[in-house]
Amino acid sequence: MATSLMGKIMGKFMDGFLGPDYERGLTKLKA
């Protein structure tokens, strides 16, 4: 229950939290 709740909360912010890393990684892969 505790992990699930934490995961759900983190999921709400995952796009903003992890998205910039993905964008930077793709830019580096492109280079």
PDB file of all heavy atoms in Angstrom:
ATOM      1  N   MET A   1       0.811  -1.208   0.000  1.00  0.00           N
ATOM      2  CA  MET A   1       0.000   0.000   0.000  1.00  0.00           C
ATOM      3  C   MET A   1       0.854   1.271   0.000  1.00  0.00           C
ATOM      4  O   MET A   1       0.602   2.207  -0.770  1.00  0.00           O
ATOM      5  CB  MET A   1      -0.932   0.016   1.219  1.00  0.00           C
ATOM      6  CG  MET A   1      -1.857   1.236   1.280  1.00  0.00           C
ATOM      7  SD  MET A   1      -2.958   1.198   2.717  1.00  0.00           S
ATOM      8  CE  MET A   1      -3.920  -0.277   2.375  1.00  0.00           C
ATOM      9  N   ALA A   2       1.875   1.313   0.849  1.00  0.00           N
ATOM     10  CA  ALA A   2       2.707   2.515   0.954  1.00  0.00           C
ATOM     11  C   ALA A   2       3.467   2.767  -0.342  1.00  0.00           C
ATOM     12  O   ALA A   2       3.504   3.889  -0.855  1.00  0.00           O
ATOM     13  CB  ALA A   2       3.681   2.386   2.123  1.00  0.00           C
ATOM     14  N   THR A   3       4.055   1.713  -0.911  1.00  0.00           N
ATOM     15  CA  THR A   3       4.808   1.848  -2.154  1.00  0.00           C
ATOM     16  C   THR A   3       3.882   2.226  -3.298  1.00  0.00           C
ATOM     17  O   THR A   3       4.211   3.055  -4.144  1.00  0.00           O
ATOM     18  CB  THR A   3       5.540   0.544  -2.497  1.00  0.00           C
ATOM     19  OG1 THR A   3       6.445   0.228  -1.437  1.00  0.00           O
ATOM     20  CG2 THR A   3       6.321   0.677  -3.784  1.00  0.00           C
ATOM     21  N   SER A   4       2.701   1.599  -3.330  1.00  0.00           N
ATOM     22  CA  SER A   4       1.736   1.894  -4.373  1.00  0.00           C
ATOM     23  C   SER A   4       1.305   3.361  -4.323  1.00  0.00           C
ATOM     24  O   SER A   4       1.226   4.039  -5.348  1.00  0.00           O
ATOM     25  CB  SER A   4       0.520   0.981  -4.240  1.00  0.00           C
ATOM     26  OG  SER A   4      -0.459   1.297  -5.205  1.00  0.00           O
ATOM     27  N   LEU A   5       1.044   3.857  -3.118  1.00  0.00           N
ATOM     28  CA  LEU A   5       0.631   5.241  -2.960  1.00  0.00           C
ATOM     29  C   LEU A   5       1.744   6.188  -3.402  1.00  0.00           C
ATOM     30  O   LEU A   5       1.503   7.160  -4.132  1.00  0.00           O
ATOM     31  CB  LEU A   5       0.253   5.514  -1.506  1.00  0.00           C
ATOM     32  CG  LEU A   5      -0.166   6.960  -1.170  1.00  0.00           C
ATOM     33  CD1 LEU A   5      -1.360   7.370  -2.010  1.00  0.00           C
ATOM     34  CD2 LEU A   5      -0.479   7.082   0.324  1.00  0.00           C
ATOM     35  N   MET A   6       2.965   5.895  -2.980  1.00  0.00           N
ATOM     36  CA  MET A   6       4.100   6.731  -3.378  1.00  0.00           C
ATOM     37  C   MET A   6       4.291   6.701  -4.894  1.00  0.00           C
ATOM     38  O   MET A   6       4.556   7.734  -5.523  1.00  0.00           O
ATOM     39  CB  MET A   6       5.368   6.255  -2.687  1.00  0.00           C
ATOM     40  CG  MET A   6       6.604   7.085  -3.015  1.00  0.00           C
ATOM     41  SD  MET A   6       6.448   8.818  -2.499  1.00  0.00           S
ATOM     42  CE  MET A   6       6.447   8.598  -0.703  1.00  0.00           C
ATOM     43  N   GLY A   7       4.140   5.500  -5.477  1.00  0.00           N
ATOM     44  CA  GLY A   7       4.285   5.370  -6.920  1.00  0.00           C
ATOM     45  C   GLY A   7       3.225   6.149  -7.680  1.00  0.00           C
ATOM     46  O   GLY A   7       3.508   6.751  -8.713  1.00  0.00           O
ATOM     47  N   LYS A   8       2.000   6.145  -7.162  1.00  0.00           N
ATOM     48  CA  LYS A   8       0.923   6.900  -7.807  1.00  0.00           C
ATOM     49  C   LYS A   8       1.197   8.400  -7.748  1.00  0.00           C
ATOM     50  O   LYS A   8       0.955   9.130  -8.716  1.00  0.00           O
ATOM     51  CB  LYS A   8      -0.407   6.584  -7.134  1.00  0.00           C
ATOM     52  CG  LYS A   8      -0.932   5.186  -7.405  1.00  0.00           C
ATOM     53  CD  LYS A   8      -2.252   4.944  -6.681  1.00  0.00           C
ATOM     54  CE  LYS A   8      -2.799   3.564  -6.949  1.00  0.00           C
ATOM     55  NZ  LYS A   8      -4.092   3.324  -6.239  1.00  0.00           N
ATOM     56  N   ILE A   9       1.680   8.856  -6.600  1.00  0.00           N
ATOM     57  CA  ILE A   9       1.991  10.283  -6.458  1.00  0.00           C
ATOM     58  C   ILE A   9       3.123  10.672  -7.401  1.00  0.00           C
ATOM     59  O   ILE A   9       3.053  11.690  -8.111  1.00  0.00           O
ATOM     60  CB  ILE A   9       2.364  10.610  -5.001  1.00  0.00           C
ATOM     61  CG1 ILE A   9       1.139  10.432  -4.094  1.00  0.00           C
ATOM     62  CG2 ILE A   9       2.890  12.044  -4.887  1.00  0.00           C
ATOM     63  CD1 ILE A   9       1.427  10.597  -2.619  1.00  0.00           C
ATOM     64  N   MET A  10       4.179   9.860  -7.437  1.00  0.00           N
ATOM     65  CA  MET A  10       5.292  10.140  -8.332  1.00  0.00           C
ATOM     66  C   MET A  10       4.860  10.100  -9.786  1.00  0.00           C
ATOM     67  O   MET A  10       5.353  10.864 -10.618  1.00  0.00           O
ATOM     68  CB  MET A  10       6.426   9.139  -8.085  1.00  0.00           C
ATOM     69  CG  MET A  10       7.126   9.307  -6.755  1.00  0.00           C
ATOM     70  SD  MET A  10       8.469   8.116  -6.526  1.00  0.00           S
ATOM     71  CE  MET A  10       9.585   8.610  -7.855  1.00  0.00           C
ATOM     72  N   GLY A  11       3.922   9.185 -10.099  1.00  0.00           N
ATOM     73  CA  GLY A  11       3.431   9.075 -11.464  1.00  0.00           C
ATOM     74  C   GLY A  11       2.777  10.345 -11.958  1.00  0.00           C
ATOM     75  O   GLY A  11       2.815  10.655 -13.147  1.00  0.00           O
ATOM     76  N   LYS A  12       2.159  11.096 -11.026  1.00  0.00           N
ATOM     77  CA  LYS A  12       1.509  12.355 -11.388  1.00  0.00           C
ATOM     78  C   LYS A  12       2.510  13.379 -11.895  1.00  0.00           C
ATOM     79  O   LYS A  12       2.167  14.268 -12.685  1.00  0.00           O
ATOM     80  CB  LYS A  12       0.763  12.921 -10.172  1.00  0.00           C
ATOM     81  CG  LYS A  12      -0.509  12.185  -9.794  1.00  0.00           C
ATOM     82  CD  LYS A  12      -1.574  12.376 -10.859  1.00  0.00           C
ATOM     83  CE  LYS A  12      -2.894  11.743 -10.447  1.00  0.00           C
ATOM     84  NZ  LYS A  12      -3.930  11.903 -11.500  1.00  0.00           N
ATOM     85  N   PHE A  13       3.741  13.271 -11.432  1.00  0.00           N
ATOM     86  CA  PHE A  13       4.760  14.260 -11.782  1.00  0.00           C
ATOM     87  C   PHE A  13       5.856  13.676 -12.678  1.00  0.00           C
ATOM     88  O   PHE A  13       6.837  14.343 -12.951  1.00  0.00           O
ATOM     89  CB  PHE A  13       5.391  14.816 -10.501  1.00  0.00           C
ATOM     90  CG  PHE A  13       4.402  15.410  -9.540  1.00  0.00           C
ATOM     91  CD1 PHE A  13       3.927  14.672  -8.465  1.00  0.00           C
ATOM     92  CD2 PHE A  13       3.939  16.703  -9.716  1.00  0.00           C
ATOM     93  CE1 PHE A  13       3.011  15.217  -7.583  1.00  0.00           C
ATOM     94  CE2 PHE A  13       3.021  17.253  -8.844  1.00  0.00           C
ATOM     95  CZ  PHE A  13       2.545  16.514  -7.769  1.00  0.00           C
ATOM     96  N   MET A  14       5.669  12.424 -13.124  1.00  0.00           N
ATOM     97  CA  MET A  14       6.733  11.740 -13.843  1.00  0.00           C
ATOM     98  C   MET A  14       7.091  12.425 -15.150  1.00  0.00           C
ATOM     99  O   MET A  14       8.272  12.534 -15.510  1.00  0.00           O
ATOM    100  CB  MET A  14       6.323  10.284 -14.110  1.00  0.00           C
ATOM    101  CG  MET A  14       7.452   9.420 -14.656  1.00  0.00           C
ATOM    102  SD  MET A  14       8.882   9.355 -13.540  1.00  0.00           S
ATOM    103  CE  MET A  14       8.171   8.447 -12.158  1.00  0.00           C
ATOM    104  N   ASP A  15       6.099  12.910 -15.877  1.00  0.00           N
ATOM    105  CA  ASP A  15       6.385  13.529 -17.166  1.00  0.00           C
ATOM    106  C   ASP A  15       7.280  14.750 -16.999  1.00  0.00           C
ATOM    107  O   ASP A  15       8.251  14.933 -17.737  1.00  0.00           O
ATOM    108  CB  ASP A  15       5.086  13.930 -17.867  1.00  0.00           C
ATOM    109  CG  ASP A  15       5.318  14.285 -19.324  1.00  0.00           C
ATOM    110  OD1 ASP A  15       5.294  13.383 -20.168  1.00  0.00           O
ATOM    111  OD2 ASP A  15       5.518  15.482 -19.610  1.00  0.00           O
ATOM    112  N   GLY A  16       6.958  15.575 -16.021  1.00  0.00           N
ATOM    113  CA  GLY A  16       7.775  16.763 -15.786  1.00  0.00           C
ATOM    114  C   GLY A  16       9.119  16.434 -15.151  1.00  0.00           C
ATOM    115  O   GLY A  16      10.105  17.137 -15.384  1.00  0.00           O
ATOM    116  N   PHE A  17       9.154  15.351 -14.377  1.00  0.00           N
ATOM    117  CA  PHE A  17      10.380  14.977 -13.679  1.00  0.00           C
ATOM    118  C   PHE A  17      11.362  14.263 -14.601  1.00  0.00           C
ATOM    119  O   PHE A  17      12.552  14.572 -14.636  1.00  0.00           O
ATOM    120  CB  PHE A  17      10.030  14.076 -12.490  1.00  0.00           C
ATOM    121  CG  PHE A  17      11.218  13.511 -11.769  1.00  0.00           C
ATOM    122  CD1 PHE A  17      12.031  14.325 -11.000  1.00  0.00           C
ATOM    123  CD2 PHE A  17      11.530  12.157 -11.860  1.00  0.00           C
ATOM    124  CE1 PHE A  17      13.140  13.802 -10.336  1.00  0.00           C
ATOM    125  CE2 PHE A  17      12.623  11.630 -11.197  1.00  0.00           C
ATOM    126  CZ  PHE A  17      13.429  12.467 -10.440  1.00  0.00           C
ATOM    127  N   LEU A  18      10.858  13.309 -15.387  1.00  0.00           N
ATOM    128  CA  LEU A  18      11.724  12.473 -16.211  1.00  0.00           C
ATOM    129  C   LEU A  18      11.791  12.936 -17.667  1.00  0.00           C
ATOM    130  O   LEU A  18      12.769  12.653 -18.362  1.00  0.00           O
ATOM    131  CB  LEU A  18      11.232  11.021 -16.155  1.00  0.00           C
ATOM    132  CG  LEU A  18      12.176   9.909 -16.607  1.00  0.00           C
ATOM    133  CD1 LEU A  18      13.471   9.946 -15.798  1.00  0.00           C
ATOM    134  CD2 LEU A  18      11.486   8.549 -16.453  1.00  0.00           C
ATOM    135  N   GLY A  19      10.761  13.642 -18.115  1.00  0.00           N
ATOM    136  CA  GLY A  19      10.702  14.083 -19.500  1.00  0.00           C
ATOM    137  C   GLY A  19      11.934  14.839 -19.976  1.00  0.00           C
ATOM    138  O   GLY A  19      12.479  14.528 -21.049  1.00  0.00           O
ATOM    139  N   PRO A  20      12.409  15.837 -19.218  1.00  0.00           N
ATOM    140  CA  PRO A  20      13.611  16.560 -19.657  1.00  0.00           C
ATOM    141  C   PRO A  20      14.839  15.676 -19.812  1.00  0.00           C
ATOM    142  O   PRO A  20      15.667  15.915 -20.696  1.00  0.00           O
ATOM    143  CB  PRO A  20      13.806  17.590 -18.532  1.00  0.00           C
ATOM    144  CG  PRO A  20      12.434  17.817 -17.984  1.00  0.00           C
ATOM    145  CD  PRO A  20      11.786  16.459 -18.040  1.00  0.00           C
ATOM    146  N   ASP A  21      14.963  14.638 -18.971  1.00  0.00           N
ATOM    147  CA  ASP A  21      16.080  13.701 -19.119  1.00  0.00           C
ATOM    148  C   ASP A  21      15.967  12.935 -20.436  1.00  0.00           C
ATOM    149  O   ASP A  21      16.967  12.732 -21.137  1.00  0.00           O
ATOM    150  CB  ASP A  21      16.110  12.717 -17.954  1.00  0.00           C
ATOM    151  CG  ASP A  21      16.528  13.365 -16.647  1.00  0.00           C
ATOM    152  OD1 ASP A  21      17.185  14.420 -16.698  1.00  0.00           O
ATOM    153  OD2 ASP A  21      16.208  12.818 -15.590  1.00  0.00           O
ATOM    154  N   TYR A  22      14.767  12.504 -20.764  1.00  0.00           N
ATOM    155  CA  TYR A  22      14.555  11.788 -22.017  1.00  0.00           C
ATOM    156  C   TYR A  22      14.880  12.688 -23.209  1.00  0.00           C
ATOM    157  O   TYR A  22      15.474  12.236 -24.196  1.00  0.00           O
ATOM    158  CB  TYR A  22      13.111  11.291 -22.096  1.00  0.00           C
ATOM    159  CG  TYR A  22      12.932   9.882 -21.570  1.00  0.00           C
ATOM    160  CD1 TYR A  22      13.468   9.509 -20.344  1.00  0.00           C
ATOM    161  CD2 TYR A  22      12.228   8.921 -22.283  1.00  0.00           C
ATOM    162  CE1 TYR A  22      13.309   8.230 -19.857  1.00  0.00           C
ATOM    163  CE2 TYR A  22      12.067   7.640 -21.808  1.00  0.00           C
ATOM    164  CZ  TYR A  22      12.611   7.298 -20.593  1.00  0.00           C
ATOM    165  OH  TYR A  22      12.466   6.008 -20.120  1.00  0.00           O
ATOM    166  N   GLU A  23      14.477  13.931 -23.124  1.00  0.00           N
ATOM    167  CA  GLU A  23      14.757  14.865 -24.214  1.00  0.00           C
ATOM    168  C   GLU A  23      16.259  15.072 -24.383  1.00  0.00           C
ATOM    169  O   GLU A  23      16.771  15.095 -25.517  1.00  0.00           O
ATOM    170  CB  GLU A  23      14.064  16.198 -23.929  1.00  0.00           C
ATOM    171  CG  GLU A  23      12.543  16.113 -23.996  1.00  0.00           C
ATOM    172  CD  GLU A  23      11.864  17.330 -23.398  1.00  0.00           C
ATOM    173  OE1 GLU A  23      12.574  18.311 -23.082  1.00  0.00           O
ATOM    174  OE2 GLU A  23      10.620  17.309 -23.238  1.00  0.00           O
ATOM    175  N   ARG A  24      16.956  15.211 -23.262  1.00  0.00           N
ATOM    176  CA  ARG A  24      18.403  15.393 -23.328  1.00  0.00           C
ATOM    177  C   ARG A  24      19.087  14.136 -23.865  1.00  0.00           C
ATOM    178  O   ARG A  24      20.032  14.211 -24.667  1.00  0.00           O
ATOM    179  CB  ARG A  24      18.959  15.753 -21.945  1.00  0.00           C
ATOM    180  CG  ARG A  24      20.436  16.154 -21.968  1.00  0.00           C
ATOM    181  CD  ARG A  24      20.869  16.794 -20.669  1.00  0.00           C
ATOM    182  NE  ARG A  24      20.824  15.878 -19.547  1.00  0.00           N
ATOM    183  CZ  ARG A  24      19.874  15.881 -18.615  1.00  0.00           C
ATOM    184  NH1 ARG A  24      18.886  16.762 -18.677  1.00  0.00           N
ATOM    185  NH2 ARG A  24      19.899  15.022 -17.613  1.00  0.00           N
ATOM    186  N   GLY A  25      18.613  12.968 -23.454  1.00  0.00           N
ATOM    187  CA  GLY A  25      19.189  11.726 -23.943  1.00  0.00           C
ATOM    188  C   GLY A  25      18.993  11.556 -25.444  1.00  0.00           C
ATOM    189  O   GLY A  25      19.909  11.125 -26.151  1.00  0.00           O
ATOM    190  N   LEU A  26      17.823  11.889 -25.935  1.00  0.00           N
ATOM    191  CA  LEU A  26      17.572  11.782 -27.369  1.00  0.00           C
ATOM    192  C   LEU A  26      18.434  12.754 -28.159  1.00  0.00           C
ATOM    193  O   LEU A  26      18.916  12.436 -29.252  1.00  0.00           O
ATOM    194  CB  LEU A  26      16.089  12.038 -27.654  1.00  0.00           C
ATOM    195  CG  LEU A  26      15.128  10.912 -27.262  1.00  0.00           C
ATOM    196  CD1 LEU A  26      13.679  11.363 -27.429  1.00  0.00           C
ATOM    197  CD2 LEU A  26      15.385   9.654 -28.090  1.00  0.00           C
ATOM    198  N   THR A  27      18.642  13.940 -27.612  1.00  0.00           N
ATOM    199  CA  THR A  27      19.496  14.921 -28.275  1.00  0.00           C
ATOM    200  C   THR A  27      20.934  14.410 -28.352  1.00  0.00           C
ATOM    201  O   THR A  27      21.617  14.565 -29.378  1.00  0.00           O
ATOM    202  CB  THR A  27      19.457  16.264 -27.527  1.00  0.00           C
ATOM    203  OG1 THR A  27      18.113  16.767 -27.546  1.00  0.00           O
ATOM    204  CG2 THR A  27      20.367  17.290 -28.185  1.00  0.00           C
ATOM    205  N   LYS A  28      21.399  13.782 -27.287  1.00  0.00           N
ATOM    206  CA  LYS A  28      22.751  13.219 -27.288  1.00  0.00           C
ATOM    207  C   LYS A  28      22.848  12.026 -28.238  1.00  0.00           C
ATOM    208  O   LYS A  28      23.849  11.860 -28.947  1.00  0.00           O
ATOM    209  CB  LYS A  28      23.149  12.797 -25.865  1.00  0.00           C
ATOM    210  CG  LYS A  28      23.265  13.952 -24.884  1.00  0.00           C
ATOM    211  CD  LYS A  28      23.731  13.486 -23.513  1.00  0.00           C
ATOM    212  CE  LYS A  28      25.164  12.980 -23.561  1.00  0.00           C
ATOM    213  NZ  LYS A  28      25.671  12.629 -22.225  1.00  0.00           N
ATOM    214  N   LEU A  29      21.817  11.193 -28.273  1.00  0.00           N
ATOM    215  CA  LEU A  29      21.794  10.062 -29.194  1.00  0.00           C
ATOM    216  C   LEU A  29      21.832  10.557 -30.639  1.00  0.00           C
ATOM    217  O   LEU A  29      22.511   9.968 -31.495  1.00  0.00           O
ATOM    218  CB  LEU A  29      20.545   9.213 -28.956  1.00  0.00           C
ATOM    219  CG  LEU A  29      20.353   8.002 -29.864  1.00  0.00           C
ATOM    220  CD1 LEU A  29      21.510   7.019 -29.739  1.00  0.00           C
ATOM    221  CD2 LEU A  29      19.024   7.304 -29.539  1.00  0.00           C
ATOM    222  N   LYS A  30      21.122  11.625 -30.914  1.00  0.00           N
ATOM    223  CA  LYS A  30      21.113  12.223 -32.250  1.00  0.00           C
ATOM    224  C   LYS A  30      22.527  12.640 -32.655  1.00  0.00           C
ATOM    225  O   LYS A  30      22.981  12.349 -33.772  1.00  0.00           O
ATOM    226  CB  LYS A  30      20.183  13.437 -32.254  1.00  0.00           C
ATOM    227  CG  LYS A  30      20.148  14.236 -33.561  1.00  0.00           C
ATOM    228  CD  LYS A  30      19.206  15.425 -33.412  1.00  0.00           C
ATOM    229  CE  LYS A  30      19.261  16.331 -34.637  1.00  0.00           C
ATOM    230  NZ  LYS A  30      18.572  15.698 -35.803  1.00  0.00           N
ATOM    231  N   ALA A  31      23.237  13.295 -31.737  1.00  0.00           N
ATOM    232  CA  ALA A  31      24.595  13.751 -32.034  1.00  0.00           C
ATOM    233  C   ALA A  31      25.523  12.567 -32.296  1.00  0.00           C
ATOM    234  O   ALA A  31      26.344  12.595 -33.220  1.00  0.00           O
ATOM    235  CB  ALA A  31      25.128  14.601 -30.882  1.00  0.00           C
TER     236      ALA A  31
END
